[in-house]
N, C-alpha and C. Protein backbone atom coordinates (compact mmCIF):
# COMPACT_ATOMS: atom_id res chain seq x y z
N MET A 1 -20.25 -20.82 6.19
CA MET A 1 -20.98 -20.64 4.95
C MET A 1 -21.87 -19.40 5.05
N LYS A 2 -22.49 -19.21 6.21
CA LYS A 2 -23.38 -18.07 6.41
C LYS A 2 -22.59 -16.76 6.31
N THR A 3 -21.37 -16.75 6.86
CA THR A 3 -20.52 -15.56 6.79
C THR A 3 -20.11 -15.28 5.35
N PHE A 4 -19.80 -16.33 4.60
CA PHE A 4 -19.41 -16.18 3.21
C PHE A 4 -20.55 -15.57 2.39
N VAL A 5 -21.76 -16.06 2.58
CA VAL A 5 -22.93 -15.54 1.86
C VAL A 5 -23.16 -14.08 2.25
N SER A 6 -23.02 -13.77 3.54
CA SER A 6 -23.19 -12.39 3.98
C SER A 6 -22.16 -11.47 3.34
N ALA A 7 -20.92 -11.94 3.26
CA ALA A 7 -19.86 -11.13 2.64
C ALA A 7 -20.15 -10.89 1.17
N ILE A 8 -20.60 -11.91 0.45
CA ILE A 8 -20.93 -11.77 -0.97
C ILE A 8 -22.07 -10.77 -1.14
N LEU A 9 -23.09 -10.88 -0.31
CA LEU A 9 -24.21 -9.95 -0.40
C LEU A 9 -23.76 -8.51 -0.12
N PHE A 10 -22.86 -8.34 0.84
CA PHE A 10 -22.35 -7.01 1.14
C PHE A 10 -21.61 -6.43 -0.06
N VAL A 11 -20.78 -7.24 -0.70
CA VAL A 11 -20.02 -6.77 -1.87
C VAL A 11 -20.98 -6.38 -3.00
N ILE A 12 -21.97 -7.21 -3.25
CA ILE A 12 -22.94 -6.91 -4.31
C ILE A 12 -23.69 -5.63 -3.97
N LEU A 13 -24.12 -5.49 -2.73
CA LEU A 13 -24.83 -4.28 -2.30
C LEU A 13 -23.93 -3.05 -2.45
N PHE A 14 -22.67 -3.18 -2.04
CA PHE A 14 -21.73 -2.06 -2.12
C PHE A 14 -21.56 -1.60 -3.56
N TYR A 15 -21.33 -2.52 -4.48
CA TYR A 15 -21.11 -2.15 -5.87
C TYR A 15 -22.39 -1.69 -6.57
N SER A 16 -23.53 -2.17 -6.14
CA SER A 16 -24.77 -1.77 -6.79
C SER A 16 -25.25 -0.40 -6.32
N CYS A 17 -24.73 0.09 -5.21
CA CYS A 17 -25.18 1.37 -4.67
C CYS A 17 -24.41 2.58 -5.18
N HIS A 18 -23.31 2.38 -5.83
CA HIS A 18 -22.56 3.56 -6.28
C HIS A 18 -23.21 4.15 -7.53
N SER A 19 -23.09 5.46 -7.64
CA SER A 19 -23.71 6.15 -8.77
C SER A 19 -22.86 6.00 -10.01
N THR A 20 -23.45 6.32 -11.15
CA THR A 20 -22.69 6.27 -12.38
C THR A 20 -21.67 7.39 -12.39
N GLN A 21 -20.59 7.17 -13.08
CA GLN A 21 -19.53 8.16 -13.11
C GLN A 21 -19.47 8.80 -14.48
N LYS A 22 -19.19 10.10 -14.50
CA LYS A 22 -19.06 10.79 -15.78
C LYS A 22 -17.70 10.46 -16.39
N VAL A 23 -17.61 10.63 -17.67
CA VAL A 23 -16.35 10.41 -18.36
C VAL A 23 -15.41 11.55 -17.99
N ALA A 24 -14.20 11.20 -17.58
CA ALA A 24 -13.25 12.22 -17.12
C ALA A 24 -12.61 12.93 -18.30
N SER A 25 -12.45 14.22 -18.14
CA SER A 25 -11.74 14.99 -19.16
C SER A 25 -10.25 14.84 -18.91
N THR A 26 -9.43 15.38 -19.79
CA THR A 26 -7.98 15.29 -19.60
C THR A 26 -7.56 16.05 -18.36
N THR A 27 -8.26 17.12 -18.00
CA THR A 27 -7.95 17.85 -16.78
C THR A 27 -8.23 16.98 -15.56
N ASP A 28 -9.35 16.25 -15.60
CA ASP A 28 -9.68 15.35 -14.50
C ASP A 28 -8.65 14.23 -14.39
N ASP A 29 -8.17 13.72 -15.51
CA ASP A 29 -7.16 12.67 -15.50
C ASP A 29 -5.90 13.13 -14.80
N ALA A 30 -5.50 14.36 -15.03
CA ALA A 30 -4.30 14.89 -14.38
C ALA A 30 -4.50 14.97 -12.87
N LYS A 31 -5.69 15.39 -12.44
CA LYS A 31 -5.98 15.48 -11.01
C LYS A 31 -5.98 14.10 -10.37
N ILE A 32 -6.56 13.12 -11.06
CA ILE A 32 -6.60 11.77 -10.53
C ILE A 32 -5.20 11.22 -10.36
N SER A 33 -4.36 11.38 -11.36
CA SER A 33 -3.02 10.81 -11.27
C SER A 33 -2.20 11.50 -10.19
N GLU A 34 -2.44 12.79 -9.95
CA GLU A 34 -1.71 13.48 -8.89
C GLU A 34 -2.16 13.03 -7.52
N THR A 35 -3.47 12.85 -7.31
CA THR A 35 -3.96 12.49 -6.00
C THR A 35 -3.77 11.02 -5.70
N ASP A 36 -3.68 10.18 -6.71
CA ASP A 36 -3.48 8.75 -6.50
C ASP A 36 -2.02 8.36 -6.45
N THR A 37 -1.14 9.32 -6.57
CA THR A 37 0.29 9.07 -6.56
C THR A 37 0.87 9.55 -5.23
N VAL A 38 1.61 8.67 -4.58
CA VAL A 38 2.27 9.03 -3.34
C VAL A 38 3.77 8.88 -3.55
N ARG A 39 4.49 9.94 -3.26
CA ARG A 39 5.95 9.93 -3.40
C ARG A 39 6.54 9.72 -2.02
N ILE A 40 7.37 8.71 -1.90
CA ILE A 40 8.09 8.44 -0.66
C ILE A 40 9.55 8.70 -0.98
N ALA A 41 10.13 9.70 -0.33
CA ALA A 41 11.49 10.06 -0.70
C ALA A 41 12.26 10.67 0.46
N ASN A 42 13.55 10.52 0.38
CA ASN A 42 14.49 11.22 1.23
C ASN A 42 15.49 11.83 0.28
N ASP A 43 15.32 13.11 -0.02
CA ASP A 43 16.13 13.76 -1.05
C ASP A 43 17.62 13.77 -0.69
N GLU A 44 17.94 13.81 0.60
CA GLU A 44 19.35 13.80 1.00
C GLU A 44 20.03 12.49 0.60
N LEU A 45 19.29 11.39 0.67
CA LEU A 45 19.85 10.08 0.33
C LEU A 45 19.60 9.72 -1.13
N GLU A 46 18.91 10.60 -1.85
CA GLU A 46 18.53 10.34 -3.23
C GLU A 46 17.77 9.02 -3.34
N TYR A 47 16.79 8.85 -2.48
CA TYR A 47 15.99 7.64 -2.43
C TYR A 47 14.55 8.01 -2.70
N GLU A 48 13.87 7.24 -3.55
CA GLU A 48 12.51 7.57 -3.90
C GLU A 48 11.71 6.33 -4.26
N ILE A 49 10.49 6.28 -3.77
CA ILE A 49 9.52 5.27 -4.18
C ILE A 49 8.28 6.06 -4.60
N ILE A 50 7.72 5.72 -5.73
CA ILE A 50 6.48 6.35 -6.16
C ILE A 50 5.41 5.26 -6.24
N ILE A 51 4.31 5.48 -5.53
CA ILE A 51 3.23 4.51 -5.49
C ILE A 51 2.06 5.04 -6.30
N PHE A 52 1.67 4.26 -7.30
CA PHE A 52 0.50 4.58 -8.14
C PHE A 52 -0.61 3.60 -7.77
N ASP A 53 -1.19 3.75 -6.62
CA ASP A 53 -2.24 2.84 -6.18
C ASP A 53 -3.46 3.67 -5.79
N PRO A 54 -4.49 3.64 -6.63
CA PRO A 54 -5.68 4.44 -6.31
C PRO A 54 -6.21 4.10 -4.92
N GLY A 55 -6.43 5.11 -4.15
CA GLY A 55 -6.97 4.90 -2.83
C GLY A 55 -5.96 5.00 -1.70
N PHE A 56 -4.67 4.77 -2.00
CA PHE A 56 -3.69 4.78 -0.91
C PHE A 56 -3.55 6.16 -0.29
N SER A 57 -3.51 7.18 -1.09
CA SER A 57 -3.35 8.54 -0.57
C SER A 57 -4.49 8.88 0.38
N THR A 58 -5.70 8.56 0.00
CA THR A 58 -6.87 8.82 0.84
C THR A 58 -6.81 7.97 2.10
N TRP A 59 -6.46 6.70 1.94
CA TRP A 59 -6.35 5.79 3.08
C TRP A 59 -5.30 6.29 4.07
N LEU A 60 -4.17 6.77 3.55
CA LEU A 60 -3.09 7.26 4.41
C LEU A 60 -3.57 8.44 5.25
N ARG A 61 -4.33 9.34 4.64
CA ARG A 61 -4.82 10.52 5.36
C ARG A 61 -5.97 10.19 6.31
N SER A 62 -6.81 9.22 5.95
CA SER A 62 -8.03 9.01 6.72
C SER A 62 -8.01 7.81 7.66
N THR A 63 -7.25 6.77 7.36
CA THR A 63 -7.35 5.53 8.11
C THR A 63 -6.07 5.17 8.86
N ALA A 64 -4.93 5.44 8.28
CA ALA A 64 -3.66 5.06 8.90
C ALA A 64 -3.46 5.76 10.24
N ARG A 65 -2.71 5.13 11.10
CA ARG A 65 -2.33 5.78 12.37
C ARG A 65 -1.54 7.04 12.05
N PRO A 66 -1.68 8.07 12.87
CA PRO A 66 -0.98 9.33 12.58
C PRO A 66 0.54 9.20 12.74
N GLU A 67 1.25 10.10 12.09
CA GLU A 67 2.71 10.12 12.25
C GLU A 67 3.01 10.29 13.73
N GLY A 68 4.02 9.59 14.19
CA GLY A 68 4.40 9.63 15.60
C GLY A 68 3.82 8.48 16.40
N TYR A 69 2.82 7.78 15.86
CA TYR A 69 2.21 6.67 16.58
C TYR A 69 3.21 5.52 16.76
N TYR A 70 3.91 5.18 15.69
CA TYR A 70 4.92 4.12 15.74
C TYR A 70 6.30 4.75 15.79
N SER A 71 7.22 4.07 16.44
CA SER A 71 8.60 4.55 16.45
C SER A 71 9.26 4.21 15.11
N GLN A 72 10.27 4.96 14.77
CA GLN A 72 11.00 4.68 13.53
C GLN A 72 11.62 3.29 13.59
N GLN A 73 12.15 2.91 14.74
CA GLN A 73 12.78 1.60 14.89
C GLN A 73 11.78 0.47 14.62
N PHE A 74 10.56 0.60 15.14
CA PHE A 74 9.52 -0.39 14.90
C PHE A 74 9.22 -0.52 13.41
N MET A 75 9.03 0.63 12.75
CA MET A 75 8.69 0.60 11.32
C MET A 75 9.84 0.07 10.48
N GLU A 76 11.08 0.42 10.84
CA GLU A 76 12.24 -0.11 10.10
C GLU A 76 12.29 -1.62 10.19
N SER A 77 12.03 -2.14 11.37
CA SER A 77 12.05 -3.59 11.56
C SER A 77 10.98 -4.28 10.71
N ARG A 78 9.77 -3.75 10.77
CA ARG A 78 8.67 -4.33 9.97
C ARG A 78 8.91 -4.13 8.48
N ASN A 79 9.36 -2.95 8.10
CA ASN A 79 9.59 -2.69 6.68
C ASN A 79 10.61 -3.66 6.11
N TYR A 80 11.66 -3.94 6.86
CA TYR A 80 12.68 -4.88 6.38
C TYR A 80 12.04 -6.25 6.13
N GLN A 81 11.23 -6.71 7.06
CA GLN A 81 10.59 -8.01 6.90
C GLN A 81 9.60 -8.01 5.73
N TYR A 82 8.84 -6.93 5.60
CA TYR A 82 7.89 -6.83 4.50
C TYR A 82 8.61 -6.78 3.15
N VAL A 83 9.71 -6.05 3.08
CA VAL A 83 10.46 -5.95 1.82
C VAL A 83 11.03 -7.31 1.43
N VAL A 84 11.56 -8.06 2.38
CA VAL A 84 12.09 -9.39 2.07
C VAL A 84 10.99 -10.27 1.50
N ALA A 85 9.84 -10.28 2.16
CA ALA A 85 8.71 -11.09 1.67
C ALA A 85 8.24 -10.61 0.31
N TRP A 86 8.14 -9.30 0.12
CA TRP A 86 7.72 -8.71 -1.15
C TRP A 86 8.65 -9.15 -2.27
N ASN A 87 9.95 -8.98 -2.05
CA ASN A 87 10.93 -9.30 -3.09
C ASN A 87 10.93 -10.79 -3.43
N GLN A 88 10.68 -11.64 -2.45
CA GLN A 88 10.57 -13.07 -2.74
C GLN A 88 9.38 -13.34 -3.65
N ARG A 89 8.31 -12.63 -3.45
CA ARG A 89 7.12 -12.81 -4.29
C ARG A 89 7.32 -12.25 -5.70
N VAL A 90 8.07 -11.18 -5.81
CA VAL A 90 8.38 -10.64 -7.13
C VAL A 90 9.13 -11.67 -7.96
N LEU A 91 10.01 -12.42 -7.31
CA LEU A 91 10.84 -13.41 -8.01
C LEU A 91 10.09 -14.71 -8.32
N GLN A 92 8.83 -14.80 -7.90
CA GLN A 92 8.03 -16.00 -8.15
C GLN A 92 6.72 -15.65 -8.86
N PRO A 93 6.80 -15.12 -10.07
CA PRO A 93 5.57 -14.69 -10.77
C PRO A 93 4.64 -15.85 -11.12
N GLN A 94 5.17 -17.08 -11.15
CA GLN A 94 4.32 -18.23 -11.43
C GLN A 94 3.46 -18.59 -10.22
N VAL A 95 3.86 -18.12 -9.03
CA VAL A 95 3.13 -18.41 -7.80
C VAL A 95 2.31 -17.21 -7.35
N TYR A 96 2.90 -16.02 -7.42
CA TYR A 96 2.25 -14.80 -6.95
C TYR A 96 1.93 -13.89 -8.14
N ASP A 97 0.80 -13.26 -8.07
CA ASP A 97 0.30 -12.41 -9.15
C ASP A 97 1.31 -11.31 -9.50
N PRO A 98 1.89 -11.34 -10.70
CA PRO A 98 2.84 -10.31 -11.09
C PRO A 98 2.21 -8.92 -11.23
N ASN A 99 0.88 -8.86 -11.30
CA ASN A 99 0.21 -7.56 -11.32
C ASN A 99 0.24 -6.90 -9.94
N LEU A 100 0.34 -7.71 -8.90
CA LEU A 100 0.44 -7.17 -7.54
C LEU A 100 1.88 -6.90 -7.14
N TYR A 101 2.76 -7.81 -7.54
CA TYR A 101 4.16 -7.72 -7.14
C TYR A 101 5.00 -7.45 -8.39
N GLY A 102 5.03 -6.19 -8.79
CA GLY A 102 5.66 -5.83 -10.05
C GLY A 102 7.16 -5.64 -10.01
N MET A 103 7.64 -4.94 -9.01
CA MET A 103 9.06 -4.59 -8.97
C MET A 103 9.62 -4.86 -7.58
N GLN A 104 10.90 -5.19 -7.55
CA GLN A 104 11.58 -5.37 -6.28
C GLN A 104 11.77 -4.01 -5.60
N ILE A 105 11.87 -4.05 -4.30
CA ILE A 105 12.14 -2.85 -3.50
C ILE A 105 13.53 -3.00 -2.92
N ASN A 106 14.36 -2.00 -3.17
CA ASN A 106 15.72 -2.01 -2.66
C ASN A 106 15.73 -1.25 -1.33
N TYR A 107 15.68 -2.00 -0.24
CA TYR A 107 15.61 -1.40 1.10
C TYR A 107 16.77 -1.98 1.91
N ASP A 108 17.67 -1.13 2.33
CA ASP A 108 18.85 -1.55 3.08
C ASP A 108 18.65 -1.17 4.54
N SER A 109 18.62 -2.17 5.41
CA SER A 109 18.37 -1.90 6.83
C SER A 109 19.50 -1.13 7.50
N ASN A 110 20.63 -0.99 6.83
CA ASN A 110 21.76 -0.23 7.38
C ASN A 110 21.70 1.25 7.03
N ILE A 111 20.72 1.64 6.24
CA ILE A 111 20.57 3.05 5.85
C ILE A 111 19.42 3.66 6.64
N ASP A 112 19.65 4.86 7.16
CA ASP A 112 18.59 5.60 7.86
C ASP A 112 17.83 6.42 6.83
N TYR A 113 16.67 5.91 6.42
CA TYR A 113 15.87 6.60 5.41
C TYR A 113 15.05 7.74 6.01
N GLY A 114 14.99 7.81 7.32
CA GLY A 114 14.22 8.85 7.97
C GLY A 114 12.82 8.38 8.32
N TYR A 115 12.17 9.16 9.17
CA TYR A 115 10.86 8.77 9.67
C TYR A 115 9.80 8.75 8.57
N GLU A 116 9.77 9.80 7.76
CA GLU A 116 8.69 9.92 6.76
C GLU A 116 8.71 8.77 5.76
N VAL A 117 9.88 8.41 5.26
CA VAL A 117 9.98 7.30 4.31
C VAL A 117 9.50 6.01 4.96
N ASN A 118 9.97 5.73 6.16
CA ASN A 118 9.55 4.51 6.84
C ASN A 118 8.07 4.51 7.17
N TYR A 119 7.54 5.67 7.54
CA TYR A 119 6.11 5.79 7.86
C TYR A 119 5.25 5.46 6.64
N LYS A 120 5.56 6.08 5.52
CA LYS A 120 4.75 5.86 4.32
C LYS A 120 4.93 4.46 3.77
N LEU A 121 6.14 3.94 3.80
CA LEU A 121 6.38 2.58 3.31
C LEU A 121 5.65 1.57 4.19
N TYR A 122 5.78 1.71 5.50
CA TYR A 122 5.10 0.81 6.42
C TYR A 122 3.59 0.84 6.17
N ASN A 123 3.04 2.03 6.07
CA ASN A 123 1.60 2.13 5.87
C ASN A 123 1.17 1.62 4.51
N TYR A 124 2.03 1.74 3.50
CA TYR A 124 1.67 1.15 2.22
C TYR A 124 1.57 -0.37 2.34
N PHE A 125 2.51 -0.97 3.05
CA PHE A 125 2.45 -2.42 3.23
C PHE A 125 1.17 -2.83 3.95
N ILE A 126 0.77 -2.07 4.97
CA ILE A 126 -0.48 -2.38 5.67
C ILE A 126 -1.67 -2.22 4.73
N TYR A 127 -1.71 -1.10 4.02
CA TYR A 127 -2.78 -0.84 3.04
C TYR A 127 -2.84 -1.95 1.99
N PHE A 128 -1.70 -2.30 1.43
CA PHE A 128 -1.62 -3.32 0.40
C PHE A 128 -2.18 -4.65 0.91
N GLN A 129 -1.76 -5.05 2.09
CA GLN A 129 -2.20 -6.34 2.63
C GLN A 129 -3.71 -6.36 2.90
N LEU A 130 -4.22 -5.27 3.43
CA LEU A 130 -5.65 -5.20 3.72
C LEU A 130 -6.48 -5.10 2.44
N THR A 131 -6.02 -4.29 1.49
CA THR A 131 -6.77 -4.06 0.27
C THR A 131 -6.79 -5.28 -0.64
N TYR A 132 -5.64 -5.93 -0.80
CA TYR A 132 -5.53 -7.04 -1.73
C TYR A 132 -5.57 -8.40 -1.05
N ARG A 133 -5.88 -8.39 0.25
CA ARG A 133 -6.00 -9.64 1.02
C ARG A 133 -4.76 -10.52 0.87
N GLN A 134 -3.64 -9.93 1.12
CA GLN A 134 -2.36 -10.62 1.09
C GLN A 134 -1.78 -10.56 2.50
N GLN A 135 -1.01 -11.56 2.87
CA GLN A 135 -0.29 -11.51 4.14
C GLN A 135 1.17 -11.78 3.84
N LEU A 136 1.97 -10.74 3.98
CA LEU A 136 3.38 -10.82 3.61
C LEU A 136 4.22 -11.57 4.63
N THR A 137 3.90 -11.45 5.91
CA THR A 137 4.68 -12.09 6.97
C THR A 137 3.72 -12.75 7.95
N GLY A 138 4.25 -13.20 9.05
CA GLY A 138 3.42 -13.79 10.10
C GLY A 138 2.62 -12.76 10.88
N PHE A 139 2.92 -11.47 10.67
CA PHE A 139 2.18 -10.42 11.35
C PHE A 139 0.86 -10.19 10.64
N ILE A 140 -0.21 -10.19 11.38
CA ILE A 140 -1.53 -9.92 10.81
C ILE A 140 -1.63 -8.40 10.65
N PRO A 141 -1.86 -7.92 9.41
CA PRO A 141 -1.91 -6.47 9.20
C PRO A 141 -3.13 -5.85 9.89
N ARG A 142 -2.84 -4.84 10.69
CA ARG A 142 -3.90 -4.14 11.44
C ARG A 142 -3.66 -2.64 11.35
N ILE A 143 -4.71 -1.94 11.62
CA ILE A 143 -4.60 -0.47 11.65
C ILE A 143 -4.49 -0.04 13.09
């Protein structure tokens, strides 16, 4: 109970300390949408995922493990498991929030999407689980 109260106080303190924000102009809106959008693609395979999640781009640059930290094989294995869990949740909108799980991800473990695609997809799953307090598999999401 003490931890819960401390967490609530931290959240209230966090939100009460931010400054007021100015109204964004149309130029600012374009900048926001560009920086909050992450494109995951392998042009040779004509494969693309576009993520419109505010904060992910910054999180990827500042918090995620650097490229090369995980092997491609490790990320492919985890991505496959995360995609299966994700797609199951998409098909159960009465159980899982359809605002979080909007569209299925078509990920074929027999296709080599390359390191960059697997790196960004893997890190999005970690970001998503930490940010929205979801656990897709038995693996506890960590950085």
